[in-house]
Protein backbone atom coordinates (compact mmCIF):
# COMPACT_ATOMS: atom_id res chain seq x y z
CA MET A 1 -133.02 177.80 177.09
CA GLU A 2 -129.77 178.54 178.95
CA ASN A 3 -127.99 178.97 175.62
CA LYS A 4 -130.40 181.75 174.61
CA ILE A 5 -130.00 183.44 177.99
CA PHE A 6 -126.20 183.27 177.70
CA TRP A 7 -126.06 184.76 174.22
CA GLY A 8 -128.72 187.35 175.04
CA THR A 9 -126.94 188.68 178.10
CA PHE A 10 -123.55 188.49 176.36
CA PHE A 11 -124.87 190.46 173.38
CA VAL A 12 -126.64 193.14 175.43
CA LEU A 13 -123.78 193.69 177.89
CA GLY A 14 -121.16 193.54 175.14
CA LEU A 15 -123.04 196.09 173.09
CA ALA A 16 -123.39 198.36 176.12
CA ALA A 17 -119.66 198.06 176.83
CA ASP A 18 -118.82 198.89 173.22
CA LEU A 19 -121.09 201.92 173.22
CA PHE A 20 -120.21 203.43 176.60
CA LEU A 21 -116.55 202.48 177.07
CA PRO A 22 -113.49 203.43 175.04
CA PHE A 23 -112.46 200.81 172.47
CA TRP A 24 -109.75 198.98 174.45
CA TRP A 25 -111.82 199.02 177.64
CA GLY A 26 -114.68 197.46 175.70
CA VAL A 27 -112.39 194.79 174.30
CA GLY A 28 -111.00 194.10 177.77
CA ALA A 29 -114.49 193.92 179.24
CA THR A 30 -115.46 191.09 176.90
CA ILE A 31 -113.96 188.33 179.06
CA PRO A 32 -115.61 189.44 182.33
CA ILE A 33 -118.89 189.89 180.44
CA ALA A 34 -118.61 186.35 179.07
CA ILE A 35 -117.93 184.98 182.57
CA PHE A 36 -120.87 186.88 184.04
CA SER A 37 -123.16 185.78 181.20
CA TRP A 38 -122.15 182.15 181.70
CA TRP A 39 -122.81 182.42 185.45
CA PHE A 40 -126.13 184.17 184.87
CA ALA A 41 -127.33 181.53 182.39
CA TYR A 42 -125.94 178.27 183.75
CA ARG A 43 -124.95 178.58 187.42
CA ARG A 44 -127.64 180.83 188.82
CA ASP A 45 -130.49 179.03 190.56
CA TRP A 46 -133.71 179.85 188.81
C-alpha cells in the first residue's frame, strides 16, 4: 500500500511541478518531491 501512495504522490506532485514551473525548476524540484513522497508514504503515522 505504501508503494502505491509513494508513486501516486510522486506522480501528482511531479506533474504539477512540470506544468506550473519552468523546465529547470521542475527538474530541480524532483528530488525534494521524491523526499516528500517517501516521507508521506513511509514515515508518516497513519
